[in-house]
């Protein structure tokens, strides 16, 4: 399977790996079909994401999707972050094969789950 240069770069040198303690928002999501797991942490100030960290257990595309997602989130307002779609993650990753599109879905699910919890506090 061929990965885009962007995926290879984010896999080899992922951005924003780790945890935020305490996080203002966080979510742990998984894809039972493939076993990928993403834990997303967000720091939010004045309804704007100021910091995002992730930990992902999965294939290179899943790790790259987590890295790309954190870069796309930092600086966004809550509503803008909720609008982040799997298509935008896929585009940010330089494209994903049909077999790896699920990684962008995992990232989208993590963002929505974390922000849903944030709004419920």
PDB file of N, CA and C in Angstrom:
ATOM      1  N   UNK A   1       0.847  -1.177   0.000  1.00  0.00           N
ATOM      2  CA  UNK A   1       0.000   0.000   0.000  1.00  0.00           C
ATOM      3  C   UNK A   1       0.894   1.242   0.000  1.00  0.00           C
ATOM      4  N   UNK A   2       0.587   2.157  -0.875  1.00  0.00           N
ATOM      5  CA  UNK A   2       1.359   3.392  -1.018  1.00  0.00           C
ATOM      6  C   UNK A   2       0.696   4.509  -0.209  1.00  0.00           C
ATOM      7  N   UNK A   3       1.471   5.179   0.637  1.00  0.00           N
ATOM      8  CA  UNK A   3       0.980   6.319   1.395  1.00  0.00           C
ATOM      9  C   UNK A   3       1.494   7.606   0.761  1.00  0.00           C
ATOM     10  N   UNK A   4       0.705   8.670   0.877  1.00  0.00           N
ATOM     11  CA  UNK A   4       1.136   9.972   0.358  1.00  0.00           C
ATOM     12  C   UNK A   4       2.370  10.443   1.122  1.00  0.00           C
ATOM     13  N   UNK A   5       3.088  11.384   0.541  1.00  0.00           N
ATOM     14  CA  UNK A   5       4.261  11.953   1.213  1.00  0.00           C
ATOM     15  C   UNK A   5       3.865  12.598   2.543  1.00  0.00           C
ATOM     16  N   UNK A   6       2.693  13.225   2.562  1.00  0.00           N
ATOM     17  CA  UNK A   6       2.227  13.877   3.790  1.00  0.00           C
ATOM     18  C   UNK A   6       1.995  12.849   4.886  1.00  0.00           C
ATOM     19  N   UNK A   7       1.357  11.735   4.544  1.00  0.00           N
ATOM     20  CA  UNK A   7       1.126  10.683   5.540  1.00  0.00           C
ATOM     21  C   UNK A   7       2.458  10.139   6.035  1.00  0.00           C
ATOM     22  N   UNK A   8       3.376   9.896   5.126  1.00  0.00           N
ATOM     23  CA  UNK A   8       4.683   9.385   5.524  1.00  0.00           C
ATOM     24  C   UNK A   8       5.395  10.358   6.468  1.00  0.00           C
ATOM     25  N   UNK A   9       5.304  11.648   6.171  1.00  0.00           N
ATOM     26  CA  UNK A   9       5.950  12.664   7.006  1.00  0.00           C
ATOM     27  C   UNK A   9       5.299  12.730   8.392  1.00  0.00           C
ATOM     28  N   UNK A  10       3.968  12.731   8.448  1.00  0.00           N
ATOM     29  CA  UNK A  10       3.274  12.804   9.738  1.00  0.00           C
ATOM     30  C   UNK A  10       3.443  11.521  10.541  1.00  0.00           C
ATOM     31  N   UNK A  11       3.598  10.396   9.863  1.00  0.00           N
ATOM     32  CA  UNK A  11       3.842   9.138  10.574  1.00  0.00           C
ATOM     33  C   UNK A  11       5.251   9.126  11.156  1.00  0.00           C
ATOM     34  N   UNK A  12       6.221   9.550  10.360  1.00  0.00           N
ATOM     35  CA  UNK A  12       7.612   9.554  10.810  1.00  0.00           C
ATOM     36  C   UNK A  12       7.877  10.631  11.863  1.00  0.00           C
ATOM     37  N   UNK A  13       7.188  11.757  11.732  1.00  0.00           N
ATOM     38  CA  UNK A  13       7.386  12.903  12.644  1.00  0.00           C
ATOM     39  C   UNK A  13       6.033  13.475  13.060  1.00  0.00           C
ATOM     40  N   UNK A  14       5.252  12.717  13.824  1.00  0.00           N
ATOM     41  CA  UNK A  14       3.922  13.210  14.203  1.00  0.00           C
ATOM     42  C   UNK A  14       4.008  14.463  15.061  1.00  0.00           C
ATOM     43  N   UNK A  15       3.085  15.360  14.821  1.00  0.00           N
ATOM     44  CA  UNK A  15       3.002  16.605  15.577  1.00  0.00           C
ATOM     45  C   UNK A  15       2.016  16.426  16.732  1.00  0.00           C
ATOM     46  N   UNK A  16       2.285  17.112  17.816  1.00  0.00           N
ATOM     47  CA  UNK A  16       1.337  17.220  18.936  1.00  0.00           C
ATOM     48  C   UNK A  16       0.998  15.881  19.587  1.00  0.00           C
ATOM     49  N   UNK A  17       1.972  14.994  19.691  1.00  0.00           N
ATOM     50  CA  UNK A  17       1.750  13.708  20.354  1.00  0.00           C
ATOM     51  C   UNK A  17       1.832  13.910  21.858  1.00  0.00           C
ATOM     52  N   UNK A  18       0.950  13.259  22.580  1.00  0.00           N
ATOM     53  CA  UNK A  18       1.006  13.300  24.034  1.00  0.00           C
ATOM     54  C   UNK A  18      -0.355  13.541  24.645  1.00  0.00           C
ATOM     55  N   UNK A  19      -0.325  13.985  25.885  1.00  0.00           N
ATOM     56  CA  UNK A  19      -1.549  14.240  26.631  1.00  0.00           C
ATOM     57  C   UNK A  19      -1.550  15.675  27.146  1.00  0.00           C
ATOM     58  N   UNK A  20      -2.715  16.148  27.492  1.00  0.00           N
ATOM     59  CA  UNK A  20      -2.877  17.437  28.174  1.00  0.00           C
ATOM     60  C   UNK A  20      -3.546  17.138  29.510  1.00  0.00           C
ATOM     61  N   UNK A  21      -2.872  17.479  30.575  1.00  0.00           N
ATOM     62  CA  UNK A  21      -3.420  17.239  31.900  1.00  0.00           C
ATOM     63  C   UNK A  21      -3.463  18.547  32.666  1.00  0.00           C
ATOM     64  N   UNK A  22      -4.587  19.066  32.998  1.00  0.00           N
ATOM     65  CA  UNK A  22      -5.903  18.567  32.614  1.00  0.00           C
ATOM     66  C   UNK A  22      -6.299  19.104  31.235  1.00  0.00           C
ATOM     67  N   UNK A  23      -7.056  18.328  30.531  1.00  0.00           N
ATOM     68  CA  UNK A  23      -7.598  18.754  29.237  1.00  0.00           C
ATOM     69  C   UNK A  23      -8.961  19.376  29.477  1.00  0.00           C
ATOM     70  N   UNK A  24      -9.301  20.356  28.668  1.00  0.00           N
ATOM     71  CA  UNK A  24     -10.641  20.940  28.744  1.00  0.00           C
ATOM     72  C   UNK A  24     -11.656  20.041  28.055  1.00  0.00           C
ATOM     73  N   UNK A  25     -11.173  19.289  27.079  1.00  0.00           N
ATOM     74  CA  UNK A  25     -12.022  18.339  26.352  1.00  0.00           C
ATOM     75  C   UNK A  25     -11.158  17.167  25.952  1.00  0.00           C
ATOM     76  N   UNK A  26     -11.734  15.973  26.020  1.00  0.00           N
ATOM     77  CA  UNK A  26     -10.992  14.807  25.563  1.00  0.00           C
ATOM     78  C   UNK A  26     -11.964  13.704  25.179  1.00  0.00           C
ATOM     79  N   UNK A  27     -11.484  12.835  24.315  1.00  0.00           N
ATOM     80  CA  UNK A  27     -12.302  11.712  23.889  1.00  0.00           C
ATOM     81  C   UNK A  27     -11.396  10.555  23.505  1.00  0.00           C
ATOM     82  N   UNK A  28     -11.881   9.372  23.739  1.00  0.00           N
ATOM     83  CA  UNK A  28     -11.229   8.135  23.338  1.00  0.00           C
ATOM     84  C   UNK A  28     -12.196   7.412  22.418  1.00  0.00           C
ATOM     85  N   UNK A  29     -11.800   7.241  21.162  1.00  0.00           N
ATOM     86  CA  UNK A  29     -12.667   6.575  20.189  1.00  0.00           C
ATOM     87  C   UNK A  29     -11.901   5.437  19.528  1.00  0.00           C
ATOM     88  N   UNK A  30     -12.659   4.479  19.019  1.00  0.00           N
ATOM     89  CA  UNK A  30     -12.017   3.342  18.367  1.00  0.00           C
ATOM     90  C   UNK A  30     -12.844   2.889  17.175  1.00  0.00           C
ATOM     91  N   UNK A  31     -12.191   2.155  16.316  1.00  0.00           N
ATOM     92  CA  UNK A  31     -12.847   1.535  15.179  1.00  0.00           C
ATOM     93  C   UNK A  31     -12.736   0.033  15.395  1.00  0.00           C
ATOM     94  N   UNK A  32     -13.813  -0.612  15.825  1.00  0.00           N
ATOM     95  CA  UNK A  32     -13.739  -2.033  16.133  1.00  0.00           C
ATOM     96  C   UNK A  32     -13.404  -2.917  14.929  1.00  0.00           C
ATOM     97  N   UNK A  33     -13.680  -2.432  13.735  1.00  0.00           N
ATOM     98  CA  UNK A  33     -13.413  -3.234  12.542  1.00  0.00           C
ATOM     99  C   UNK A  33     -11.921  -3.413  12.297  1.00  0.00           C
ATOM    100  N   UNK A  34     -11.126  -2.346  12.549  1.00  0.00           N
ATOM    101  CA  UNK A  34      -9.685  -2.428  12.266  1.00  0.00           C
ATOM    102  C   UNK A  34      -8.835  -2.394  13.529  1.00  0.00           C
ATOM    103  N   UNK A  35      -9.421  -1.968  14.650  1.00  0.00           N
ATOM    104  CA  UNK A  35      -8.692  -1.921  15.907  1.00  0.00           C
ATOM    105  C   UNK A  35      -7.984  -0.612  16.200  1.00  0.00           C
ATOM    106  N   UNK A  36      -8.071   0.383  15.296  1.00  0.00           N
ATOM    107  CA  UNK A  36      -7.439   1.681  15.545  1.00  0.00           C
ATOM    108  C   UNK A  36      -8.115   2.371  16.730  1.00  0.00           C
ATOM    109  N   UNK A  37      -7.306   3.055  17.547  1.00  0.00           N
ATOM    110  CA  UNK A  37      -7.801   3.786  18.710  1.00  0.00           C
ATOM    111  C   UNK A  37      -7.151   5.168  18.709  1.00  0.00           C
ATOM    112  N   UNK A  38      -7.955   6.211  18.935  1.00  0.00           N
ATOM    113  CA  UNK A  38      -7.430   7.570  19.023  1.00  0.00           C
ATOM    114  C   UNK A  38      -7.921   8.221  20.306  1.00  0.00           C
ATOM    115  N   UNK A  39      -6.987   8.814  21.034  1.00  0.00           N
ATOM    116  CA  UNK A  39      -7.301   9.581  22.230  1.00  0.00           C
ATOM    117  C   UNK A  39      -6.926  11.022  21.909  1.00  0.00           C
ATOM    118  N   UNK A  40      -7.892  11.907  21.945  1.00  0.00           N
ATOM    119  CA  UNK A  40      -7.702  13.309  21.592  1.00  0.00           C
ATOM    120  C   UNK A  40      -7.900  14.175  22.824  1.00  0.00           C
ATOM    121  N   UNK A  41      -6.998  15.135  23.019  1.00  0.00           N
ATOM    122  CA  UNK A  41      -7.033  16.071  24.146  1.00  0.00           C
ATOM    123  C   UNK A  41      -7.039  17.493  23.595  1.00  0.00           C
ATOM    124  N   UNK A  42      -7.883  18.345  24.158  1.00  0.00           N
ATOM    125  CA  UNK A  42      -7.969  19.732  23.693  1.00  0.00           C
ATOM    126  C   UNK A  42      -7.895  20.702  24.865  1.00  0.00           C
ATOM    127  N   UNK A  43      -7.185  21.790  24.656  1.00  0.00           N
ATOM    128  CA  UNK A  43      -7.199  22.909  25.587  1.00  0.00           C
ATOM    129  C   UNK A  43      -7.970  24.023  24.887  1.00  0.00           C
ATOM    130  N   UNK A  44      -8.943  24.588  25.588  1.00  0.00           N
ATOM    131  CA  UNK A  44      -9.843  25.573  24.993  1.00  0.00           C
ATOM    132  C   UNK A  44      -9.854  26.817  25.870  1.00  0.00           C
ATOM    133  N   UNK A  45      -9.619  27.959  25.237  1.00  0.00           N
ATOM    134  CA  UNK A  45      -9.676  29.244  25.934  1.00  0.00           C
ATOM    135  C   UNK A  45     -10.525  30.203  25.110  1.00  0.00           C
ATOM    136  N   UNK A  46     -11.499  30.826  25.760  1.00  0.00           N
ATOM    137  CA  UNK A  46     -12.409  31.757  25.075  1.00  0.00           C
ATOM    138  C   UNK A  46     -13.036  31.124  23.830  1.00  0.00           C
ATOM    139  N   UNK A  47     -13.503  29.888  23.990  1.00  0.00           N
ATOM    140  CA  UNK A  47     -14.157  29.129  22.915  1.00  0.00           C
ATOM    141  C   UNK A  47     -13.275  28.930  21.680  1.00  0.00           C
ATOM    142  N   UNK A  48     -11.968  28.890  21.881  1.00  0.00           N
ATOM    143  CA  UNK A  48     -11.017  28.657  20.789  1.00  0.00           C
ATOM    144  C   UNK A  48     -10.032  27.585  21.241  1.00  0.00           C
ATOM    145  N   UNK A  49      -9.730  26.652  20.364  1.00  0.00           N
ATOM    146  CA  UNK A  49      -8.780  25.588  20.680  1.00  0.00           C
ATOM    147  C   UNK A  49      -7.370  26.166  20.606  1.00  0.00           C
ATOM    148  N   UNK A  50      -6.691  26.154  21.742  1.00  0.00           N
ATOM    149  CA  UNK A  50      -5.347  26.722  21.804  1.00  0.00           C
ATOM    150  C   UNK A  50      -4.269  25.641  21.770  1.00  0.00           C
ATOM    151  N   UNK A  51      -4.657  24.431  22.095  1.00  0.00           N
ATOM    152  CA  UNK A  51      -3.697  23.330  22.077  1.00  0.00           C
ATOM    153  C   UNK A  51      -4.453  22.032  21.835  1.00  0.00           C
ATOM    154  N   UNK A  52      -3.842  21.130  21.087  1.00  0.00           N
ATOM    155  CA  UNK A  52      -4.436  19.820  20.809  1.00  0.00           C
ATOM    156  C   UNK A  52      -3.322  18.786  20.828  1.00  0.00           C
ATOM    157  N   UNK A  53      -3.587  17.682  21.482  1.00  0.00           N
ATOM    158  CA  UNK A  53      -2.638  16.566  21.561  1.00  0.00           C
ATOM    159  C   UNK A  53      -3.409  15.286  21.259  1.00  0.00           C
ATOM    160  N   UNK A  54      -2.667  14.277  20.836  1.00  0.00           N
ATOM    161  CA  UNK A  54      -3.311  12.996  20.550  1.00  0.00           C
ATOM    162  C   UNK A  54      -2.369  11.848  20.851  1.00  0.00           C
ATOM    163  N   UNK A  55      -2.968  10.697  21.049  1.00  0.00           N
ATOM    164  CA  UNK A  55      -2.258   9.429  21.111  1.00  0.00           C
ATOM    165  C   UNK A  55      -3.088   8.467  20.266  1.00  0.00           C
ATOM    166  N   UNK A  56      -2.442   7.806  19.341  1.00  0.00           N
ATOM    167  CA  UNK A  56      -3.147   6.874  18.475  1.00  0.00           C
ATOM    168  C   UNK A  56      -2.409   5.554  18.437  1.00  0.00           C
ATOM    169  N   UNK A  57      -3.177   4.492  18.530  1.00  0.00           N
ATOM    170  CA  UNK A  57      -2.654   3.157  18.318  1.00  0.00           C
ATOM    171  C   UNK A  57      -3.309   2.644  17.037  1.00  0.00           C
ATOM    172  N   UNK A  58      -2.496   2.439  16.020  1.00  0.00           N
ATOM    173  CA  UNK A  58      -3.055   1.977  14.760  1.00  0.00           C
ATOM    174  C   UNK A  58      -2.025   2.023  13.654  1.00  0.00           C
ATOM    175  N   UNK A  59      -2.516   1.975  12.455  1.00  0.00           N
ATOM    176  CA  UNK A  59      -1.675   1.952  11.265  1.00  0.00           C
ATOM    177  C   UNK A  59      -1.039   3.327  11.025  1.00  0.00           C
ATOM    178  N   UNK A  60      -0.061   3.409  10.126  1.00  0.00           N
ATOM    179  CA  UNK A  60       0.559   4.703   9.829  1.00  0.00           C
ATOM    180  C   UNK A  60      -0.455   5.783   9.438  1.00  0.00           C
ATOM    181  N   UNK A  61      -1.473   5.416   8.686  1.00  0.00           N
ATOM    182  CA  UNK A  61      -2.480   6.404   8.278  1.00  0.00           C
ATOM    183  C   UNK A  61      -3.266   6.924   9.475  1.00  0.00           C
ATOM    184  N   UNK A  62      -3.546   6.079  10.467  1.00  0.00           N
ATOM    185  CA  UNK A  62      -4.276   6.515  11.658  1.00  0.00           C
ATOM    186  C   UNK A  62      -3.439   7.490  12.482  1.00  0.00           C
ATOM    187  N   UNK A  63      -2.154   7.196  12.606  1.00  0.00           N
ATOM    188  CA  UNK A  63      -1.263   8.083  13.348  1.00  0.00           C
ATOM    189  C   UNK A  63      -1.147   9.423  12.614  1.00  0.00           C
ATOM    190  N   UNK A  64      -0.990   9.368  11.301  1.00  0.00           N
ATOM    191  CA  UNK A  64      -0.913  10.597  10.511  1.00  0.00           C
ATOM    192  C   UNK A  64      -2.208  11.390  10.598  1.00  0.00           C
ATOM    193  N   UNK A  65      -3.349  10.715  10.593  1.00  0.00           N
ATOM    194  CA  UNK A  65      -4.636  11.408  10.691  1.00  0.00           C
ATOM    195  C   UNK A  65      -4.754  12.144  12.026  1.00  0.00           C
ATOM    196  N   UNK A  66      -4.273  11.539  13.107  1.00  0.00           N
ATOM    197  CA  UNK A  66      -4.280  12.212  14.402  1.00  0.00           C
ATOM    198  C   UNK A  66      -3.402  13.448  14.394  1.00  0.00           C
ATOM    199  N   UNK A  67      -2.222  13.334  13.803  1.00  0.00           N
ATOM    200  CA  UNK A  67      -1.296  14.455  13.720  1.00  0.00           C
ATOM    201  C   UNK A  67      -1.875  15.591  12.879  1.00  0.00           C
ATOM    202  N   UNK A  68      -2.395  15.253  11.716  1.00  0.00           N
ATOM    203  CA  UNK A  68      -3.000  16.255  10.826  1.00  0.00           C
ATOM    204  C   UNK A  68      -4.182  16.928  11.526  1.00  0.00           C
ATOM    205  N   UNK A  69      -4.996  16.144  12.196  1.00  0.00           N
ATOM    206  CA  UNK A  69      -6.186  16.681  12.863  1.00  0.00           C
ATOM    207  C   UNK A  69      -5.808  17.708  13.918  1.00  0.00           C
ATOM    208  N   UNK A  70      -4.786  17.422  14.717  1.00  0.00           N
ATOM    209  CA  UNK A  70      -4.394  18.406  15.739  1.00  0.00           C
ATOM    210  C   UNK A  70      -3.934  19.704  15.092  1.00  0.00           C
ATOM    211  N   UNK A  71      -3.213  19.609  13.992  1.00  0.00           N
ATOM    212  CA  UNK A  71      -2.775  20.835  13.310  1.00  0.00           C
ATOM    213  C   UNK A  71      -3.956  21.620  12.758  1.00  0.00           C
ATOM    214  N   UNK A  72      -4.947  20.903  12.246  1.00  0.00           N
ATOM    215  CA  UNK A  72      -6.129  21.573  11.701  1.00  0.00           C
ATOM    216  C   UNK A  72      -6.983  22.217  12.797  1.00  0.00           C
ATOM    217  N   UNK A  73      -6.935  21.668  14.002  1.00  0.00           N
ATOM    218  CA  UNK A  73      -7.786  22.167  15.087  1.00  0.00           C
ATOM    219  C   UNK A  73      -7.237  23.393  15.794  1.00  0.00           C
ATOM    220  N   UNK A  74      -5.939  23.471  15.958  1.00  0.00           N
ATOM    221  CA  UNK A  74      -5.350  24.559  16.748  1.00  0.00           C
ATOM    222  C   UNK A  74      -5.681  25.905  16.107  1.00  0.00           C
ATOM    223  N   UNK A  75      -6.281  26.766  16.911  1.00  0.00           N
ATOM    224  CA  UNK A  75      -6.666  28.097  16.452  1.00  0.00           C
ATOM    225  C   UNK A  75      -8.123  28.207  16.032  1.00  0.00           C
ATOM    226  N   UNK A  76      -8.792  27.077  15.900  1.00  0.00           N
ATOM    227  CA  UNK A  76     -10.205  27.113  15.492  1.00  0.00           C
ATOM    228  C   UNK A  76     -11.115  27.376  16.679  1.00  0.00           C
ATOM    229  N   UNK A  77     -12.229  28.037  16.384  1.00  0.00           N
ATOM    230  CA  UNK A  77     -13.285  28.177  17.366  1.00  0.00           C
ATOM    231  C   UNK A  77     -14.038  26.855  17.471  1.00  0.00           C
ATOM    232  N   UNK A  78     -14.865  26.737  18.488  1.00  0.00           N
ATOM    233  CA  UNK A  78     -15.614  25.503  18.729  1.00  0.00           C
ATOM    234  C   UNK A  78     -16.471  25.129  17.517  1.00  0.00           C
ATOM    235  N   UNK A  79     -17.223  26.084  16.991  1.00  0.00           N
ATOM    236  CA  UNK A  79     -18.096  25.787  15.842  1.00  0.00           C
ATOM    237  C   UNK A  79     -17.285  25.384  14.615  1.00  0.00           C
ATOM    238  N   UNK A  80     -16.159  26.060  14.399  1.00  0.00           N
ATOM    239  CA  UNK A  80     -15.289  25.705  13.268  1.00  0.00           C
ATOM    240  C   UNK A  80     -14.732  24.295  13.449  1.00  0.00           C
ATOM    241  N   UNK A  81     -14.371  23.969  14.674  1.00  0.00           N
ATOM    242  CA  UNK A  81     -13.827  22.639  14.951  1.00  0.00           C
ATOM    243  C   UNK A  81     -14.884  21.564  14.751  1.00  0.00           C
ATOM    244  N   UNK A  82     -16.110  21.856  15.145  1.00  0.00           N
ATOM    245  CA  UNK A  82     -17.193  20.892  14.931  1.00  0.00           C
ATOM    246  C   UNK A  82     -17.453  20.647  13.447  1.00  0.00           C
ATOM    247  N   UNK A  83     -17.124  21.611  12.633  1.00  0.00           N
ATOM    248  CA  UNK A  83     -17.320  21.485  11.188  1.00  0.00           C
ATOM    249  C   UNK A  83     -16.189  20.702  10.509  1.00  0.00           C
ATOM    250  N   UNK A  84     -15.109  20.399  11.252  1.00  0.00           N
ATOM    251  CA  UNK A  84     -14.015  19.626  10.673  1.00  0.00           C
ATOM    252  C   UNK A  84     -14.561  18.285  10.182  1.00  0.00           C
ATOM    253  N   UNK A  85     -14.347  18.000   8.924  1.00  0.00           N
ATOM    254  CA  UNK A  85     -14.908  16.776   8.347  1.00  0.00           C
ATOM    255  C   UNK A  85     -13.816  15.789   7.976  1.00  0.00           C
ATOM    256  N   UNK A  86     -14.229  14.558   7.774  1.00  0.00           N
ATOM    257  CA  UNK A  86     -13.303  13.523   7.326  1.00  0.00           C
ATOM    258  C   UNK A  86     -12.690  13.888   5.980  1.00  0.00           C
ATOM    259  N   UNK A  87     -13.434  14.621   5.158  1.00  0.00           N
ATOM    260  CA  UNK A  87     -12.918  15.047   3.852  1.00  0.00           C
ATOM    261  C   UNK A  87     -11.749  16.014   4.051  1.00  0.00           C
ATOM    262  N   UNK A  88     -11.885  16.936   5.008  1.00  0.00           N
ATOM    263  CA  UNK A  88     -10.814  17.885   5.288  1.00  0.00           C
ATOM    264  C   UNK A  88      -9.580  17.176   5.854  1.00  0.00           C
ATOM    265  N   UNK A  89      -9.798  16.186   6.725  1.00  0.00           N
ATOM    266  CA  UNK A  89      -8.682  15.405   7.273  1.00  0.00           C
ATOM    267  C   UNK A  89      -8.003  14.631   6.150  1.00  0.00           C
ATOM    268  N   UNK A  90      -8.804  14.024   5.287  1.00  0.00           N
ATOM    269  CA  UNK A  90      -8.259  13.268   4.150  1.00  0.00           C
ATOM    270  C   UNK A  90      -7.425  14.185   3.253  1.00  0.00           C
ATOM    271  N   UNK A  91      -7.938  15.358   2.963  1.00  0.00           N
ATOM    272  CA  UNK A  91      -7.226  16.330   2.138  1.00  0.00           C
ATOM    273  C   UNK A  91      -5.935  16.783   2.842  1.00  0.00           C
ATOM    274  N   UNK A  92      -6.026  17.042   4.142  1.00  0.00           N
ATOM    275  CA  UNK A  92      -4.856  17.463   4.912  1.00  0.00           C
ATOM    276  C   UNK A  92      -3.769  16.398   4.965  1.00  0.00           C
ATOM    277  N   UNK A  93      -4.180  15.145   4.836  1.00  0.00           N
ATOM    278  CA  UNK A  93      -3.227  14.026   4.846  1.00  0.00           C
ATOM    279  C   UNK A  93      -2.649  13.755   3.466  1.00  0.00           C
ATOM    280  N   UNK A  94      -3.060  14.543   2.486  1.00  0.00           N
ATOM    281  CA  UNK A  94      -2.553  14.321   1.133  1.00  0.00           C
ATOM    282  C   UNK A  94      -3.242  13.184   0.420  1.00  0.00           C
ATOM    283  N   UNK A  95      -4.421  12.825   0.913  1.00  0.00           N
ATOM    284  CA  UNK A  95      -5.199  11.744   0.307  1.00  0.00           C
ATOM    285  C   UNK A  95      -5.057  10.454   1.088  1.00  0.00           C
ATOM    286  N   UNK A  96      -6.094   9.658   1.041  1.00  0.00           N
ATOM    287  CA  UNK A  96      -6.112   8.350   1.693  1.00  0.00           C
ATOM    288  C   UNK A  96      -6.709   7.342   0.719  1.00  0.00           C
ATOM    289  N   UNK A  97      -6.149   6.159   0.704  1.00  0.00           N
ATOM    290  CA  UNK A  97      -6.708   5.110  -0.143  1.00  0.00           C
ATOM    291  C   UNK A  97      -8.075   4.705   0.408  1.00  0.00           C
ATOM    292  N   UNK A  98      -8.919   4.093  -0.413  1.00  0.00           N
ATOM    293  CA  UNK A  98     -10.232   3.654   0.086  1.00  0.00           C
ATOM    294  C   UNK A  98     -10.124   2.749   1.315  1.00  0.00           C
ATOM    295  N   UNK A  99      -9.052   1.986   1.420  1.00  0.00           N
ATOM    296  CA  UNK A  99      -8.866   1.095   2.569  1.00  0.00           C
ATOM    297  C   UNK A  99      -8.484   1.850   3.837  1.00  0.00           C
ATOM    298  N   UNK A 100      -8.062   3.093   3.701  1.00  0.00           N
ATOM    299  CA  UNK A 100      -7.606   3.868   4.858  1.00  0.00           C
ATOM    300  C   UNK A 100      -8.471   5.079   5.175  1.00  0.00           C
ATOM    301  N   UNK A 101      -9.548   5.274   4.441  1.00  0.00           N
ATOM    302  CA  UNK A 101     -10.441   6.407   4.706  1.00  0.00           C
ATOM    303  C   UNK A 101     -11.011   6.340   6.120  1.00  0.00           C
ATOM    304  N   UNK A 102     -11.125   5.145   6.668  1.00  0.00           N
ATOM    305  CA  UNK A 102     -11.660   5.004   8.027  1.00  0.00           C
ATOM    306  C   UNK A 102     -10.843   5.785   9.051  1.00  0.00           C
ATOM    307  N   UNK A 103      -9.573   6.063   8.758  1.00  0.00           N
ATOM    308  CA  UNK A 103      -8.754   6.811   9.715  1.00  0.00           C
ATOM    309  C   UNK A 103      -9.211   8.264   9.823  1.00  0.00           C
ATOM    310  N   UNK A 104      -9.696   8.815   8.714  1.00  0.00           N
ATOM    311  CA  UNK A 104     -10.224  10.185   8.763  1.00  0.00           C
ATOM    312  C   UNK A 104     -11.555  10.218   9.503  1.00  0.00           C
ATOM    313  N   UNK A 105     -12.314   9.143   9.409  1.00  0.00           N
ATOM    314  CA  UNK A 105     -13.578   9.029  10.145  1.00  0.00           C
ATOM    315  C   UNK A 105     -13.282   8.953  11.643  1.00  0.00           C
ATOM    316  N   UNK A 106     -12.254   8.193  12.010  1.00  0.00           N
ATOM    317  CA  UNK A 106     -11.855   8.081  13.407  1.00  0.00           C
ATOM    318  C   UNK A 106     -11.503   9.455  13.978  1.00  0.00           C
ATOM    319  N   UNK A 107     -10.748  10.247  13.206  1.00  0.00           N
ATOM    320  CA  UNK A 107     -10.370  11.588  13.647  1.00  0.00           C
ATOM    321  C   UNK A 107     -11.597  12.485  13.802  1.00  0.00           C
ATOM    322  N   UNK A 108     -12.485  12.451  12.829  1.00  0.00           N
ATOM    323  CA  UNK A 108     -13.708  13.254  12.904  1.00  0.00           C
ATOM    324  C   UNK A 108     -14.531  12.847  14.129  1.00  0.00           C
ATOM    325  N   UNK A 109     -14.650  11.552  14.372  1.00  0.00           N
ATOM    326  CA  UNK A 109     -15.399  11.069  15.536  1.00  0.00           C
ATOM    327  C   UNK A 109     -14.771  11.550  16.843  1.00  0.00           C
ATOM    328  N   UNK A 110     -13.444  11.555  16.913  1.00  0.00           N
ATOM    329  CA  UNK A 110     -12.756  11.996  18.131  1.00  0.00           C
ATOM    330  C   UNK A 110     -13.029  13.466  18.414  1.00  0.00           C
ATOM    331  N   UNK A 111     -12.964  14.283  17.385  1.00  0.00           N
ATOM    332  CA  UNK A 111     -13.222  15.719  17.547  1.00  0.00           C
ATOM    333  C   UNK A 111     -14.641  15.944  18.038  1.00  0.00           C
ATOM    334  N   UNK A 112     -15.591  15.329  17.394  1.00  0.00           N
ATOM    335  CA  UNK A 112     -17.000  15.536  17.777  1.00  0.00           C
ATOM    336  C   UNK A 112     -17.289  15.030  19.182  1.00  0.00           C
ATOM    337  N   UNK A 113     -16.708  13.872  19.540  1.00  0.00           N
ATOM    338  CA  UNK A 113     -16.932  13.318  20.878  1.00  0.00           C
ATOM    339  C   UNK A 113     -16.322  14.223  21.952  1.00  0.00           C
ATOM    340  N   UNK A 114     -15.114  14.721  21.711  1.00  0.00           N
ATOM    341  CA  UNK A 114     -14.467  15.592  22.696  1.00  0.00           C
ATOM    342  C   UNK A 114     -15.254  16.888  22.882  1.00  0.00           C
ATOM    343  N   UNK A 115     -15.697  17.478  21.788  1.00  0.00           N
ATOM    344  CA  UNK A 115     -16.423  18.745  21.893  1.00  0.00           C
ATOM    345  C   UNK A 115     -17.833  18.555  22.447  1.00  0.00           C
ATOM    346  N   UNK A 116     -18.417  17.405  22.218  1.00  0.00           N
ATOM    347  CA  UNK A 116     -19.722  17.109  22.823  1.00  0.00           C
ATOM    348  C   UNK A 116     -19.583  17.057  24.343  1.00  0.00           C
ATOM    349  N   UNK A 117     -18.547  16.382  24.824  1.00  0.00           N
ATOM    350  CA  UNK A 117     -18.295  16.321  26.260  1.00  0.00           C
ATOM    351  C   UNK A 117     -18.006  17.710  26.829  1.00  0.00           C
ATOM    352  N   UNK A 118     -17.257  18.505  26.079  1.00  0.00           N
ATOM    353  CA  UNK A 118     -16.929  19.866  26.513  1.00  0.00           C
ATOM    354  C   UNK A 118     -18.194  20.687  26.700  1.00  0.00           C
ATOM    355  N   UNK A 119     -19.100  20.586  25.772  1.00  0.00           N
ATOM    356  CA  UNK A 119     -20.349  21.368  25.844  1.00  0.00           C
ATOM    357  C   UNK A 119     -21.254  20.892  26.970  1.00  0.00           C
ATOM    358  N   UNK A 120     -21.129  19.645  27.373  1.00  0.00           N
ATOM    359  CA  UNK A 120     -21.988  19.093  28.421  1.00  0.00           C
ATOM    360  C   UNK A 120     -21.512  19.453  29.821  1.00  0.00           C
ATOM    361  N   UNK A 121     -20.314  20.021  29.947  1.00  0.00           N
ATOM    362  CA  UNK A 121     -19.799  20.347  31.281  1.00  0.00           C
ATOM    363  C   UNK A 121     -20.497  21.526  31.885  1.00  0.00           C
TER     364      UNK A 121
END
